[in-house]
């Protein structure tokens, strides 16, 4: 049994789970044709606990093995209406655990444990209606505002290949990851986060003052190391981690546990800095990255 969880490309609160059964095999003289196969998808838990899911009636379903072999595909949908969630900045966050189940029941007269239920893995879906993400109004339909996503650590990909519009920024981040002590500002203990699951980045949106402070510290360091004319030729001060993350240049001013100067700045061509910024903005929207420390992401350089 394979299950694929998907969300629509266009913002929508409905999540789809496609079930496919395959590789049916029966050898010799058996009672396999009398065995019954059951499929269902269950919400084990959701947060807030009072939120109420709406699941399609396409599951549960129970059929004999030959019947299931003849009709092996099923789609199950899951949706939470807006207005049931929580979170800062009216994010209206709802999280859930979706558990697919498959049950086999022996035909009468056959010996063995029956029925037997398998629970292959769990999905971790999430819903929001954050004002800073797509479909925050529902396009005129408040009952459909917001969207769905999976609670996974998403990966932002930048390319350092020749001709990539964001190449200069990608090269800068790559250096920060692979040889951080050579980057500015100087710090012999620098270990820039953002390249693995043990040190993800977290989106900063609601606190504009802190975002501005991240940017101001980065510009200060660019000026310190490259002079007031570092912008000559259309260059801009690129900072990593991004100013739009809690790990940005001013992080140590807000958290005493953060290493000082644990970031990197570098003047790069403005056009390439802008291209990288557009990719980051699109990434935030496509993956519905929420403000806060509960929704991490990482960066990979190709």
Protein backbone atom coordinates (compact mmCIF):
# COMPACT_ATOMS: atom_id res chain seq x y z
CA UNK A 1 0.00 0.00 0.00
CA UNK A 2 1.30 3.44 -0.99
CA UNK A 3 -0.21 6.70 0.28
CA UNK A 4 0.56 10.10 -1.23
CA UNK A 5 -0.39 13.26 0.60
CA UNK A 6 -0.79 16.40 -1.51
CA UNK A 7 -2.12 19.95 -1.34
CA UNK A 8 -3.43 21.90 -4.34
CA UNK A 9 -1.09 24.28 -6.15
CA UNK A 10 -3.72 26.95 -5.71
CA UNK A 11 -4.27 27.83 -2.06
CA UNK A 12 -7.00 25.68 -0.60
CA UNK A 13 -7.74 24.13 2.77
CA UNK A 14 -8.40 20.64 1.38
CA UNK A 15 -5.67 18.02 1.70
CA UNK A 16 -5.70 14.90 -0.48
CA UNK A 17 -4.49 11.38 0.36
CA UNK A 18 -4.26 8.90 -2.52
CA UNK A 19 -4.15 5.23 -1.55
CA UNK A 20 -2.83 2.63 -4.01
CA UNK A 21 -2.62 -1.11 -3.42
CA UNK A 22 -0.37 -3.19 -5.63
CA UNK A 23 1.55 -6.47 -6.03
CA UNK A 24 -1.34 -8.81 -5.22
CA UNK A 25 0.02 -12.38 -5.14
CA UNK A 26 -1.69 -15.64 -4.28
CA UNK A 27 0.25 -18.92 -4.57
CA UNK A 28 -1.20 -22.41 -4.47
CA UNK A 29 -4.60 -23.38 -3.08
CA UNK A 30 -5.56 -20.83 -0.46
CA UNK A 31 -8.54 -18.99 0.89
CA UNK A 32 -7.09 -15.68 -0.21
CA UNK A 33 -10.13 -14.82 -2.28
CA UNK A 34 -12.15 -14.79 0.92
CA UNK A 35 -9.79 -12.49 2.80
CA UNK A 36 -11.15 -9.02 3.41
CA UNK A 37 -9.05 -5.86 3.15
CA UNK A 38 -10.06 -2.67 4.92
CA UNK A 39 -8.68 0.86 4.43
CA UNK A 40 -9.24 3.95 6.52
CA UNK A 41 -7.62 7.24 7.46
CA UNK A 42 -7.91 8.40 11.05
CA UNK A 43 -7.20 11.69 12.79
CA UNK A 44 -5.34 10.51 15.87
CA UNK A 45 -5.13 13.97 17.41
CA UNK A 46 -5.37 17.62 16.51
CA UNK A 47 -4.34 20.91 18.07
CA UNK A 48 -6.28 22.83 19.27
CA UNK A 49 -8.22 19.83 20.58
CA UNK A 50 -11.55 21.54 19.89
CA UNK A 51 -10.87 21.82 16.12
CA UNK A 52 -13.15 19.60 14.07
CA UNK A 53 -11.97 17.93 10.83
CA UNK A 54 -14.12 17.15 7.83
CA UNK A 55 -13.13 13.89 6.10
CA UNK A 56 -14.62 12.57 2.87
CA UNK A 57 -16.79 9.45 3.04
CA UNK A 58 -14.65 7.65 0.43
CA UNK A 59 -13.01 5.88 3.37
CA UNK A 60 -13.31 3.62 5.26
CA UNK A 61 -13.81 0.88 2.70
CA UNK A 62 -13.68 -2.91 3.05
CA UNK A 63 -13.50 -5.37 0.13
CA UNK A 64 -12.41 -8.92 -0.60
CA UNK A 65 -8.92 -9.32 -1.98
CA UNK A 66 -10.15 -9.88 -5.59
CA UNK A 67 -12.41 -6.83 -5.31
CA UNK A 68 -9.56 -4.71 -3.97
CA UNK A 69 -7.27 -5.96 -6.73
CA UNK A 70 -9.86 -4.90 -9.32
CA UNK A 71 -10.26 -1.47 -7.74
CA UNK A 72 -6.98 -0.60 -5.98
CA UNK A 73 -7.07 3.24 -5.89
CA UNK A 74 -8.87 5.46 -3.35
CA UNK A 75 -8.73 9.17 -2.58
CA UNK A 76 -9.47 10.49 0.89
CA UNK A 77 -9.75 14.22 1.63
CA UNK A 78 -9.28 16.14 4.86
CA UNK A 79 -10.16 19.72 5.66
CA UNK A 80 -10.41 22.02 8.65
CA UNK A 81 -12.52 25.15 8.38
CA UNK A 82 -10.79 28.43 9.31
CA UNK A 83 -11.44 30.10 12.62
CA UNK A 84 -10.60 27.07 14.77
CA UNK A 85 -6.87 27.63 15.21
CA UNK A 86 -4.42 29.55 17.35
CA UNK A 87 -1.05 31.28 16.99
CA UNK A 88 0.57 34.69 17.06
CA UNK A 89 -0.52 37.31 14.58
CA UNK A 90 -3.88 35.65 13.91
CA UNK A 91 -2.13 32.76 12.17
CA UNK A 92 -5.15 30.53 12.93
CA UNK A 93 -2.90 27.45 13.17
CA UNK A 94 -4.27 23.94 13.28
CA UNK A 95 -2.03 20.86 13.42
CA UNK A 96 -3.08 17.23 13.18
CA UNK A 97 -1.85 13.65 12.97
CA UNK A 98 -3.33 11.69 10.06
CA UNK A 99 -2.91 7.92 10.39
CA UNK A 100 -3.57 5.58 7.40
CA UNK A 101 -4.63 2.07 8.40
CA UNK A 102 -4.93 -1.21 6.52
CA UNK A 103 -6.77 -4.18 8.04
CA UNK A 104 -6.82 -7.78 6.89
CA UNK A 105 -9.47 -10.26 8.06
CA UNK A 106 -9.03 -14.01 7.55
CA UNK A 107 -11.78 -15.95 5.78
CA UNK A 108 -13.88 -18.25 8.02
CA UNK A 109 -12.10 -21.45 9.02
CA UNK A 110 -8.55 -20.15 8.66
CA UNK A 111 -6.29 -20.13 11.70
CA UNK A 112 -4.35 -17.07 12.80
CA UNK A 113 -4.71 -13.64 14.34
CA UNK A 114 -7.62 -11.86 12.75
CA UNK A 115 -8.23 -9.10 12.06
CA UNK A 116 -4.73 -7.60 11.85
CA UNK A 117 -4.28 -3.84 11.49
CA UNK A 118 -1.19 -2.21 10.02
CA UNK A 119 -0.34 1.46 10.53
CA UNK A 120 2.51 2.14 8.08
CA UNK A 121 3.32 5.77 8.94
CA UNK A 122 1.72 9.06 9.93
CA UNK A 123 1.28 12.36 8.13
CA UNK A 124 1.60 15.67 9.97
CA UNK A 125 -0.68 18.14 8.16
CA UNK A 126 -1.14 21.75 9.18
CA UNK A 127 -3.52 24.59 8.32
CA UNK A 128 -3.26 28.35 8.70
CA UNK A 129 -4.85 31.60 7.62
CA UNK A 130 -1.88 33.89 8.25
CA UNK A 131 -2.39 37.38 6.84
CA UNK A 132 1.13 37.38 5.31
CA UNK A 133 0.62 34.20 3.27
CA UNK A 134 -1.38 33.49 0.14
CA UNK A 135 -5.17 33.30 0.17
CA UNK A 136 -5.46 35.13 3.49
CA UNK A 137 -8.96 36.33 2.54
CA UNK A 138 -10.19 33.30 0.61
CA UNK A 139 -10.61 35.30 -2.58
CA UNK A 140 -13.94 36.64 -1.39
CA UNK A 141 -14.89 33.38 0.35
CA UNK A 142 -13.91 33.62 4.05
CA UNK A 143 -14.79 29.94 4.54
CA UNK A 144 -11.83 29.02 2.33
CA UNK A 145 -9.21 31.50 3.51
CA UNK A 146 -5.74 30.22 4.25
CA UNK A 147 -4.28 26.93 3.14
CA UNK A 148 -2.76 23.57 4.06
CA UNK A 149 0.81 22.31 4.26
CA UNK A 150 2.77 19.42 5.74
CA UNK A 151 4.74 19.99 8.93
CA UNK A 152 8.17 19.15 7.54
CA UNK A 153 11.47 21.00 7.50
CA UNK A 154 11.35 22.48 4.00
CA UNK A 155 14.49 23.04 1.92
CA UNK A 156 15.27 26.26 0.05
CA UNK A 157 17.51 25.53 -2.92
CA UNK A 158 19.95 28.06 -4.38
CA UNK A 159 22.18 27.42 -7.38
CA UNK A 160 25.87 28.32 -7.58
CA UNK A 161 26.12 27.15 -11.19
CA UNK A 162 27.34 29.52 -13.87
CA UNK A 163 24.50 31.68 -15.15
CA UNK A 164 22.23 31.20 -12.14
CA UNK A 165 20.64 34.58 -11.36
CA UNK A 166 21.32 34.10 -7.63
CA UNK A 167 24.86 32.70 -8.04
CA UNK A 168 26.68 35.37 -6.01
CA UNK A 169 24.37 34.84 -3.05
CA UNK A 170 24.63 31.06 -3.37
CA UNK A 171 28.44 31.30 -3.40
CA UNK A 172 28.32 33.49 -0.31
CA UNK A 173 26.10 31.05 1.61
CA UNK A 174 28.24 28.12 0.51
CA UNK A 175 31.32 29.81 1.95
CA UNK A 176 29.44 30.55 5.18
CA UNK A 177 28.57 26.86 5.49
CA UNK A 178 31.87 25.30 4.45
CA UNK A 179 34.46 27.82 5.66
CA UNK A 180 32.70 30.15 8.10
CA UNK A 181 35.80 31.53 9.84
CA UNK A 182 36.92 33.17 6.58
CA UNK A 183 33.74 35.24 6.36
CA UNK A 184 33.02 38.66 7.86
CA UNK A 185 32.61 39.62 10.63
CA UNK A 186 35.53 37.70 12.07
CA UNK A 187 34.74 35.02 14.62
CA UNK A 188 37.04 32.05 15.25
CA UNK A 189 34.09 30.05 16.63
CA UNK A 190 31.61 30.88 13.88
CA UNK A 191 29.18 28.08 13.02
CA UNK A 192 26.49 29.54 10.76
CA UNK A 193 23.13 27.71 11.07
CA UNK A 194 20.77 26.76 8.28
CA UNK A 195 22.40 23.83 6.45
CA UNK A 196 21.10 20.84 8.44
CA UNK A 197 18.22 19.63 10.56
CA UNK A 198 20.13 20.24 13.78
CA UNK A 199 20.30 23.96 13.08
CA UNK A 200 17.38 25.11 10.93
CA UNK A 201 16.34 28.70 10.27
CA UNK A 202 13.04 30.19 11.42
CA UNK A 203 11.02 32.84 9.66
CA UNK A 204 10.78 36.28 11.26
CA UNK A 205 7.89 38.36 9.98
CA UNK A 206 5.72 39.84 12.71
CA UNK A 207 8.49 41.75 14.48
CA UNK A 208 9.41 44.38 11.89
CA UNK A 209 11.74 46.18 14.30
CA UNK A 210 13.82 43.03 14.75
CA UNK A 211 13.95 42.45 10.98
CA UNK A 212 15.12 46.03 10.50
CA UNK A 213 17.68 45.54 13.23
CA UNK A 214 19.04 42.42 11.49
CA UNK A 215 19.43 44.45 8.34
CA UNK A 216 21.04 47.40 10.13
CA UNK A 217 23.67 45.18 11.79
CA UNK A 218 24.48 43.56 8.43
CA UNK A 219 24.92 46.93 6.72
CA UNK A 220 27.08 48.12 9.61
CA UNK A 221 29.43 45.17 9.14
CA UNK A 222 29.58 45.59 5.35
CA UNK A 223 30.55 49.22 5.89
CA UNK A 224 33.08 48.26 8.55
CA UNK A 225 34.96 45.79 6.36
CA UNK A 226 34.49 47.23 2.84
CA UNK A 227 34.02 50.92 3.55
CA UNK A 228 31.16 53.30 2.93
CA UNK A 229 31.54 52.81 -0.83
CA UNK A 230 30.90 49.06 -0.76
CA UNK A 231 27.79 49.72 -2.87
CA UNK A 232 29.89 50.98 -5.82
CA UNK A 233 28.91 49.33 -9.08
CA UNK A 234 25.43 48.50 -7.87
CA UNK A 235 26.40 46.16 -5.06
CA UNK A 236 24.29 45.45 -2.00
CA UNK A 237 25.08 44.01 1.41
CA UNK A 238 24.05 40.36 1.44
CA UNK A 239 23.61 38.79 4.87
CA UNK A 240 23.24 35.19 5.96
CA UNK A 241 21.31 33.99 7.86
CA UNK A 242 18.63 36.06 6.20
CA UNK A 243 17.37 39.24 7.86
CA UNK A 244 13.91 37.68 7.72
CA UNK A 245 14.93 34.92 10.17
CA UNK A 246 15.31 34.79 13.93
CA UNK A 247 18.92 33.73 13.32
CA UNK A 248 19.71 36.98 11.49
CA UNK A 249 22.64 39.32 12.14
CA UNK A 250 21.23 40.80 15.36
CA UNK A 251 20.25 37.46 16.93
CA UNK A 252 22.72 37.78 19.82
CA UNK A 253 21.09 41.07 20.84
CA UNK A 254 17.81 39.23 21.46
CA UNK A 255 19.10 35.93 22.83
CA UNK A 256 22.05 35.74 25.24
CA UNK A 257 22.63 32.10 24.25
CA UNK A 258 23.46 33.01 20.65
CA UNK A 259 27.14 33.35 19.69
CA UNK A 260 28.05 36.92 18.77
CA UNK A 261 29.01 37.58 15.14
CA UNK A 262 27.67 34.17 14.12
CA UNK A 263 26.62 35.40 10.68
CA UNK A 264 28.21 36.42 7.39
CA UNK A 265 27.98 39.53 5.23
CA UNK A 266 29.35 40.22 1.76
CA UNK A 267 28.76 42.89 -0.91
CA UNK A 268 27.21 41.21 -3.97
CA UNK A 269 25.67 42.51 -7.23
CA UNK A 270 22.28 44.00 -6.48
CA UNK A 271 20.53 42.11 -9.27
CA UNK A 272 21.70 38.75 -7.91
CA UNK A 273 20.78 39.75 -4.37
CA UNK A 274 17.32 40.66 -5.64
CA UNK A 275 16.96 37.35 -7.50
CA UNK A 276 17.84 35.45 -4.33
CA UNK A 277 15.36 37.54 -2.37
CA UNK A 278 12.60 36.72 -4.84
CA UNK A 279 13.35 33.02 -4.51
CA UNK A 280 13.22 33.30 -0.73
CA UNK A 281 9.89 35.15 -0.83
CA UNK A 282 8.40 32.55 -3.18
CA UNK A 283 9.71 29.76 -0.96
CA UNK A 284 8.05 31.26 2.12
CA UNK A 285 4.73 31.45 0.30
CA UNK A 286 4.85 28.09 -1.47
CA UNK A 287 5.69 26.24 1.75
CA UNK A 288 3.49 28.41 3.96
CA UNK A 289 6.38 29.12 6.33
CA UNK A 290 4.96 30.58 9.54
CA UNK A 291 6.62 33.17 11.78
CA UNK A 292 8.12 31.57 14.89
CA UNK A 293 10.44 28.91 16.19
CA UNK A 294 8.06 26.02 15.50
CA UNK A 295 8.45 26.08 11.71
CA UNK A 296 12.05 25.52 10.57
CA UNK A 297 13.67 25.34 7.14
CA UNK A 298 17.15 24.73 5.74
CA UNK A 299 19.15 25.94 2.74
CA UNK A 300 20.99 23.78 0.24
CA UNK A 301 23.40 25.03 -2.43
CA UNK A 302 23.47 23.12 -5.72
